[in-house]
C-alpha atoms as a PDB file:
ATOM      1  CA  UNK A   1      35.016  11.487 -12.401  1.00  0.00           C
ATOM      2  CA  UNK A   2      32.122  11.910 -14.824  1.00  0.00           C
ATOM      3  CA  UNK A   3      31.962   8.156 -15.573  1.00  0.00           C
ATOM      4  CA  UNK A   4      31.520   7.432 -11.845  1.00  0.00           C
ATOM      5  CA  UNK A   5      28.508   9.747 -11.798  1.00  0.00           C
ATOM      6  CA  UNK A   6      26.998   8.077 -14.855  1.00  0.00           C
ATOM      7  CA  UNK A   7      27.661   4.614 -13.421  1.00  0.00           C
ATOM      8  CA  UNK A   8      25.950   5.674 -10.187  1.00  0.00           C
ATOM      9  CA  UNK A   9      22.922   6.890 -12.154  1.00  0.00           C
ATOM     10  CA  UNK A  10      22.752   3.647 -14.112  1.00  0.00           C
ATOM     11  CA  UNK A  11      22.897   1.610 -10.890  1.00  0.00           C
ATOM     12  CA  UNK A  12      20.165   3.735  -9.361  1.00  0.00           C
ATOM     13  CA  UNK A  13      18.022   3.307 -12.466  1.00  0.00           C
ATOM     14  CA  UNK A  14      18.536  -0.460 -12.459  1.00  0.00           C
ATOM     15  CA  UNK A  15      17.592  -0.617  -8.773  1.00  0.00           C
ATOM     16  CA  UNK A  16      14.384   1.315  -9.444  1.00  0.00           C
ATOM     17  CA  UNK A  17      13.519  -0.924 -12.366  1.00  0.00           C
ATOM     18  CA  UNK A  18      14.171  -4.048 -10.298  1.00  0.00           C
ATOM     19  CA  UNK A  19      12.065  -2.606  -7.487  1.00  0.00           C
ATOM     20  CA  UNK A  20       9.086  -2.048  -9.790  1.00  0.00           C
ATOM     21  CA  UNK A  21       9.452  -5.426 -11.525  1.00  0.00           C
ATOM     22  CA  UNK A  22       9.606  -7.245  -8.196  1.00  0.00           C
ATOM     23  CA  UNK A  23       6.582  -5.267  -7.038  1.00  0.00           C
ATOM     24  CA  UNK A  24       4.653  -6.363 -10.117  1.00  0.00           C
ATOM     25  CA  UNK A  25       5.730  -9.978  -9.564  1.00  0.00           C
ATOM     26  CA  UNK A  26       4.503  -9.714  -5.955  1.00  0.00           C
ATOM     27  CA  UNK A  27       1.189  -8.306  -7.146  1.00  0.00           C
ATOM     28  CA  UNK A  28       0.908 -11.168  -9.638  1.00  0.00           C
ATOM     29  CA  UNK A  29       1.519 -13.616  -6.788  1.00  0.00           C
ATOM     30  CA  UNK A  30      -1.268 -11.994  -4.748  1.00  0.00           C
ATOM     31  CA  UNK A  31      -3.753 -11.974  -7.631  1.00  0.00           C
ATOM     32  CA  UNK A  32      -2.827 -15.536  -8.572  1.00  0.00           C
ATOM     33  CA  UNK A  33      -3.222 -16.678  -4.978  1.00  0.00           C
ATOM     34  CA  UNK A  34      -6.580 -14.941  -4.682  1.00  0.00           C
ATOM     35  CA  UNK A  35      -7.792 -16.428  -7.960  1.00  0.00           C
ATOM     36  CA  UNK A  36      -6.802 -19.949  -6.915  1.00  0.00           C
ATOM     37  CA  UNK A  37      -8.039 -19.644  -3.318  1.00  0.00           C
ATOM     38  CA  UNK A  38     -11.351 -17.844  -3.915  1.00  0.00           C
ATOM     39  CA  UNK A  39     -12.586 -18.922  -7.350  1.00  0.00           C
ATOM     40  CA  UNK A  40     -13.113 -22.269  -9.033  1.00  0.00           C
ATOM     41  CA  UNK A  41      -9.719 -23.329 -10.322  1.00  0.00           C
ATOM     42  CA  UNK A  42      -8.049 -26.496 -11.598  1.00  0.00           C
ATOM     43  CA  UNK A  43      -5.540 -26.032  -8.760  1.00  0.00           C
ATOM     44  CA  UNK A  44      -6.096 -26.838  -5.114  1.00  0.00           C
ATOM     45  CA  UNK A  45      -7.112 -23.838  -2.958  1.00  0.00           C
ATOM     46  CA  UNK A  46      -4.180 -24.751  -0.709  1.00  0.00           C
ATOM     47  CA  UNK A  47      -1.819 -23.554  -3.451  1.00  0.00           C
ATOM     48  CA  UNK A  48      -3.616 -20.209  -3.464  1.00  0.00           C
ATOM     49  CA  UNK A  49      -3.312 -19.900   0.296  1.00  0.00           C
ATOM     50  CA  UNK A  50       0.395 -20.795   0.139  1.00  0.00           C
ATOM     51  CA  UNK A  51       0.939 -18.076  -2.483  1.00  0.00           C
ATOM     52  CA  UNK A  52      -0.903 -15.577  -0.279  1.00  0.00           C
ATOM     53  CA  UNK A  53       1.158 -16.606   2.767  1.00  0.00           C
ATOM     54  CA  UNK A  54       4.415 -16.179   0.839  1.00  0.00           C
ATOM     55  CA  UNK A  55       3.198 -12.789  -0.425  1.00  0.00           C
ATOM     56  CA  UNK A  56       2.403 -11.753   3.180  1.00  0.00           C
ATOM     57  CA  UNK A  57       5.904 -12.710   4.336  1.00  0.00           C
ATOM     58  CA  UNK A  58       7.448 -10.757   1.441  1.00  0.00           C
ATOM     59  CA  UNK A  59       5.203  -7.783   2.238  1.00  0.00           C
ATOM     60  CA  UNK A  60       6.363  -7.699   5.849  1.00  0.00           C
ATOM     61  CA  UNK A  61      10.041  -8.373   5.069  1.00  0.00           C
ATOM     62  CA  UNK A  62      10.278  -5.586   2.475  1.00  0.00           C
ATOM     63  CA  UNK A  63       8.094  -3.011   4.197  1.00  0.00           C
ATOM     64  CA  UNK A  64      10.925  -0.530   4.718  1.00  0.00           C
ATOM     65  CA  UNK A  65      11.571  -0.498   0.971  1.00  0.00           C
ATOM     66  CA  UNK A  66       8.034   0.000  -0.362  1.00  0.00           C
ATOM     67  CA  UNK A  67       6.615   2.292   2.317  1.00  0.00           C
ATOM     68  CA  UNK A  68       8.102   5.194   0.359  1.00  0.00           C
ATOM     69  CA  UNK A  69       5.765   4.680  -2.589  1.00  0.00           C
ATOM     70  CA  UNK A  70       2.732   3.707  -0.519  1.00  0.00           C
ATOM     71  CA  UNK A  71       1.359   7.261  -0.299  1.00  0.00           C
ATOM     72  CA  UNK A  72       1.810   7.657  -4.060  1.00  0.00           C
ATOM     73  CA  UNK A  73      -0.180   4.468  -4.649  1.00  0.00           C
ATOM     74  CA  UNK A  74      -2.940   5.817  -2.416  1.00  0.00           C
ATOM     75  CA  UNK A  75      -2.857   9.059  -4.426  1.00  0.00           C
ATOM     76  CA  UNK A  76      -3.495   6.956  -7.560  1.00  0.00           C
ATOM     77  CA  UNK A  77      -6.449   5.369  -5.740  1.00  0.00           C
ATOM     78  CA  UNK A  78      -7.790   8.861  -4.998  1.00  0.00           C
ATOM     79  CA  UNK A  79      -7.619   9.737  -8.705  1.00  0.00           C
ATOM     80  CA  UNK A  80      -9.385   6.465  -9.505  1.00  0.00           C
ATOM     81  CA  UNK A  81     -12.157   7.331  -7.018  1.00  0.00           C
ATOM     82  CA  UNK A  82     -12.594  10.792  -8.564  1.00  0.00           C
ATOM     83  CA  UNK A  83     -13.060   9.116 -11.958  1.00  0.00           C
ATOM     84  CA  UNK A  84     -15.614   6.748 -10.384  1.00  0.00           C
ATOM     85  CA  UNK A  85     -17.489   9.745  -8.927  1.00  0.00           C
ATOM     86  CA  UNK A  86     -17.610  11.364 -12.364  1.00  0.00           C
ATOM     87  CA  UNK A  87     -18.610   8.243 -14.313  1.00  0.00           C
ATOM     88  CA  UNK A  88     -20.578   6.226 -11.751  1.00  0.00           C
ATOM     89  CA  UNK A  89     -18.708   3.014 -12.555  1.00  0.00           C
ATOM     90  CA  UNK A  90     -15.227   1.521 -12.351  1.00  0.00           C
ATOM     91  CA  UNK A  91     -12.943   3.119 -14.963  1.00  0.00           C
ATOM     92  CA  UNK A  92     -11.766  -0.201 -16.385  1.00  0.00           C
ATOM     93  CA  UNK A  93     -15.115  -1.991 -16.036  1.00  0.00           C
ATOM     94  CA  UNK A  94     -18.256  -0.049 -17.001  1.00  0.00           C
ATOM     95  CA  UNK A  95     -20.435  -3.004 -15.984  1.00  0.00           C
ATOM     96  CA  UNK A  96     -19.384  -2.543 -12.339  1.00  0.00           C
ATOM     97  CA  UNK A  97     -21.563   0.289 -11.071  1.00  0.00           C
ATOM     98  CA  UNK A  98     -20.452   2.146  -7.944  1.00  0.00           C
ATOM     99  CA  UNK A  99     -22.696   4.425  -5.915  1.00  0.00           C
ATOM    100  CA  UNK A 100     -21.338   7.947  -6.025  1.00  0.00           C
ATOM    101  CA  UNK A 101     -21.730   8.292  -2.256  1.00  0.00           C
ATOM    102  CA  UNK A 102     -19.553   5.200  -1.755  1.00  0.00           C
ATOM    103  CA  UNK A 103     -16.958   6.643  -4.135  1.00  0.00           C
ATOM    104  CA  UNK A 104     -16.944   9.968  -2.249  1.00  0.00           C
ATOM    105  CA  UNK A 105     -16.518   8.151   1.088  1.00  0.00           C
ATOM    106  CA  UNK A 106     -13.707   6.021  -0.350  1.00  0.00           C
ATOM    107  CA  UNK A 107     -12.008   9.146  -1.758  1.00  0.00           C
ATOM    108  CA  UNK A 108     -11.906  10.743   1.684  1.00  0.00           C
ATOM    109  CA  UNK A 109     -10.717   7.487   3.266  1.00  0.00           C
ATOM    110  CA  UNK A 110      -7.890   7.136   0.741  1.00  0.00           C
ATOM    111  CA  UNK A 111      -6.985  10.782   1.349  1.00  0.00           C
ATOM    112  CA  UNK A 112      -6.821  10.213   5.118  1.00  0.00           C
ATOM    113  CA  UNK A 113      -4.782   7.053   4.563  1.00  0.00           C
ATOM    114  CA  UNK A 114      -2.362   8.830   2.220  1.00  0.00           C
ATOM    115  CA  UNK A 115      -1.841  11.705   4.664  1.00  0.00           C
ATOM    116  CA  UNK A 116      -1.300   9.356   7.616  1.00  0.00           C
ATOM    117  CA  UNK A 117       0.991   6.997   5.713  1.00  0.00           C
ATOM    118  CA  UNK A 118       3.132   9.820   4.308  1.00  0.00           C
ATOM    119  CA  UNK A 119       4.471  10.353   7.820  1.00  0.00           C
ATOM    120  CA  UNK A 120       5.780   6.759   7.816  1.00  0.00           C
ATOM    121  CA  UNK A 121       8.474   7.845   5.344  1.00  0.00           C
ATOM    122  CA  UNK A 122       9.827  10.349   7.838  1.00  0.00           C
ATOM    123  CA  UNK A 123      10.510   7.981  10.704  1.00  0.00           C
ATOM    124  CA  UNK A 124      11.635   4.528  11.608  1.00  0.00           C
ATOM    125  CA  UNK A 125       8.697   2.133  11.341  1.00  0.00           C
ATOM    126  CA  UNK A 126       7.417   0.877  14.678  1.00  0.00           C
ATOM    127  CA  UNK A 127       5.566  -2.362  15.281  1.00  0.00           C
ATOM    128  CA  UNK A 128       2.218  -0.527  15.174  1.00  0.00           C
ATOM    129  CA  UNK A 129       3.175   1.103  11.843  1.00  0.00           C
ATOM    130  CA  UNK A 130       4.038  -2.291  10.368  1.00  0.00           C
ATOM    131  CA  UNK A 131       0.849  -3.833  11.690  1.00  0.00           C
ATOM    132  CA  UNK A 132      -1.217  -0.925  10.328  1.00  0.00           C
ATOM    133  CA  UNK A 133       0.344  -1.222   6.870  1.00  0.00           C
ATOM    134  CA  UNK A 134      -0.212  -4.979   6.833  1.00  0.00           C
ATOM    135  CA  UNK A 135      -3.842  -4.617   7.973  1.00  0.00           C
ATOM    136  CA  UNK A 136      -4.472  -1.940   5.343  1.00  0.00           C
ATOM    137  CA  UNK A 137      -3.087  -4.099   2.512  1.00  0.00           C
ATOM    138  CA  UNK A 138      -5.030  -7.116   3.824  1.00  0.00           C
ATOM    139  CA  UNK A 139      -8.263  -5.083   3.994  1.00  0.00           C
ATOM    140  CA  UNK A 140      -7.655  -3.608   0.545  1.00  0.00           C
ATOM    141  CA  UNK A 141      -7.398  -7.045  -1.051  1.00  0.00           C
ATOM    142  CA  UNK A 142     -10.263  -8.363   1.094  1.00  0.00           C
ATOM    143  CA  UNK A 143     -12.394  -5.575  -0.366  1.00  0.00           C
ATOM    144  CA  UNK A 144     -11.293  -6.636  -3.855  1.00  0.00           C
ATOM    145  CA  UNK A 145     -12.528 -10.178  -3.176  1.00  0.00           C
ATOM    146  CA  UNK A 146     -15.817  -8.925  -1.659  1.00  0.00           C
ATOM    147  CA  UNK A 147     -16.632  -5.616  -3.435  1.00  0.00           C
ATOM    148  CA  UNK A 148     -19.823  -5.065  -1.450  1.00  0.00           C
ATOM    149  CA  UNK A 149     -17.622  -4.784   1.664  1.00  0.00           C
ATOM    150  CA  UNK A 150     -15.087  -2.413   0.086  1.00  0.00           C
ATOM    151  CA  UNK A 151     -16.155   0.667   2.070  1.00  0.00           C
ATOM    152  CA  UNK A 152     -16.123  -1.286   5.354  1.00  0.00           C
ATOM    153  CA  UNK A 153     -12.762  -2.974   4.728  1.00  0.00           C
ATOM    154  CA  UNK A 154     -11.210   0.282   3.527  1.00  0.00           C
ATOM    155  CA  UNK A 155     -12.493   1.998   6.669  1.00  0.00           C
ATOM    156  CA  UNK A 156     -10.871  -0.669   8.857  1.00  0.00           C
ATOM    157  CA  UNK A 157      -7.560  -0.379   6.992  1.00  0.00           C
ATOM    158  CA  UNK A 158      -7.510   3.420   7.096  1.00  0.00           C
ATOM    159  CA  UNK A 159      -8.495   3.326  10.766  1.00  0.00           C
ATOM    160  CA  UNK A 160      -5.330   1.333  11.492  1.00  0.00           C
ATOM    161  CA  UNK A 161      -3.178   3.793   9.515  1.00  0.00           C
ATOM    162  CA  UNK A 162      -4.647   6.760  11.371  1.00  0.00           C
ATOM    163  CA  UNK A 163      -4.236   4.964  14.718  1.00  0.00           C
ATOM    164  CA  UNK A 164      -0.537   4.351  13.970  1.00  0.00           C
ATOM    165  CA  UNK A 165      -0.113   7.996  12.977  1.00  0.00           C
ATOM    166  CA  UNK A 166      -1.903   9.185  16.141  1.00  0.00           C
ATOM    167  CA  UNK A 167       0.205   6.903  18.351  1.00  0.00           C
ATOM    168  CA  UNK A 168       3.423   8.269  16.839  1.00  0.00           C
ATOM    169  CA  UNK A 169       2.192  11.837  17.199  1.00  0.00           C
ATOM    170  CA  UNK A 170       1.354  11.226  20.859  1.00  0.00           C
ATOM    171  CA  UNK A 171       4.799   9.723  21.450  1.00  0.00           C
ATOM    172  CA  UNK A 172       6.461  12.724  19.787  1.00  0.00           C
ATOM    173  CA  UNK A 173       4.531  15.132  22.016  1.00  0.00           C
ATOM    174  CA  UNK A 174       5.730  13.268  25.079  1.00  0.00           C
ATOM    175  CA  UNK A 175       9.290  12.990  23.779  1.00  0.00           C
ATOM    176  CA  UNK A 176      10.274  15.255  20.840  1.00  0.00           C
ATOM    177  CA  UNK A 177      13.304  13.033  20.065  1.00  0.00           C
ATOM    178  CA  UNK A 178      11.062   9.963  19.640  1.00  0.00           C
ATOM    179  CA  UNK A 179      12.606   7.936  16.774  1.00  0.00           C
ATOM    180  CA  UNK A 180      12.513  10.779  14.292  1.00  0.00           C
ATOM    181  CA  UNK A 181      14.670  10.567  11.204  1.00  0.00           C
ATOM    182  CA  UNK A 182      15.344  12.226   7.880  1.00  0.00           C
ATOM    183  CA  UNK A 183      12.784  12.457   5.121  1.00  0.00           C
ATOM    184  CA  UNK A 184      12.507   9.814   2.433  1.00  0.00           C
ATOM    185  CA  UNK A 185      14.988  10.082  -0.441  1.00  0.00           C
ATOM    186  CA  UNK A 186      13.912   8.786  -3.841  1.00  0.00           C
ATOM    187  CA  UNK A 187      12.853   5.151  -4.103  1.00  0.00           C
ATOM    188  CA  UNK A 188      15.228   3.781  -1.497  1.00  0.00           C
ATOM    189  CA  UNK A 189      12.403   3.188   0.908  1.00  0.00           C
ATOM    190  CA  UNK A 190      12.226   4.395   4.458  1.00  0.00           C
ATOM    191  CA  UNK A 191      15.559   6.089   5.181  1.00  0.00           C
ATOM    192  CA  UNK A 192      14.746   6.955   8.789  1.00  0.00           C
ATOM    193  CA  UNK A 193      16.934   4.713  10.911  1.00  0.00           C
END
């Protein structure tokens, strides 16, 4: 009986590790695609766009699995913004100065996004939820390509997350049984079915 419990823990640990490794590979695909598509490269920009298209398909297809850690990633972004407020520059790049007001605005936007997206783990994702998550990720990386637009793109992305949250809240007020489900369990993704 005890070996079954240990085997179950090992399987769960391997699944988590695979999840994180695949997530890092996806992130590498996105960064590689952006580097090829948006900067001078020995490769054709078409290759970069193909990598970004494949990454978008993977993002959409696996959304139920990674939505569970999305709020935690936004919490990391909040911590990063607090460090930027304190130092006045990006933590990993002192040469990149950031206005403290912009960092404060981004902190509140990430906080709003984290609070709105946390509710996605407690219900079945609707089309608007999926669209909002996709738009947020798109805007986040768009802001990375054009840093001077980061506050604007982040505002657009967070606006979509809040709109999806508000729509679900409105639907629940009209019908309390509206697609509600159990809370998220571990790293298994969205368990609300």
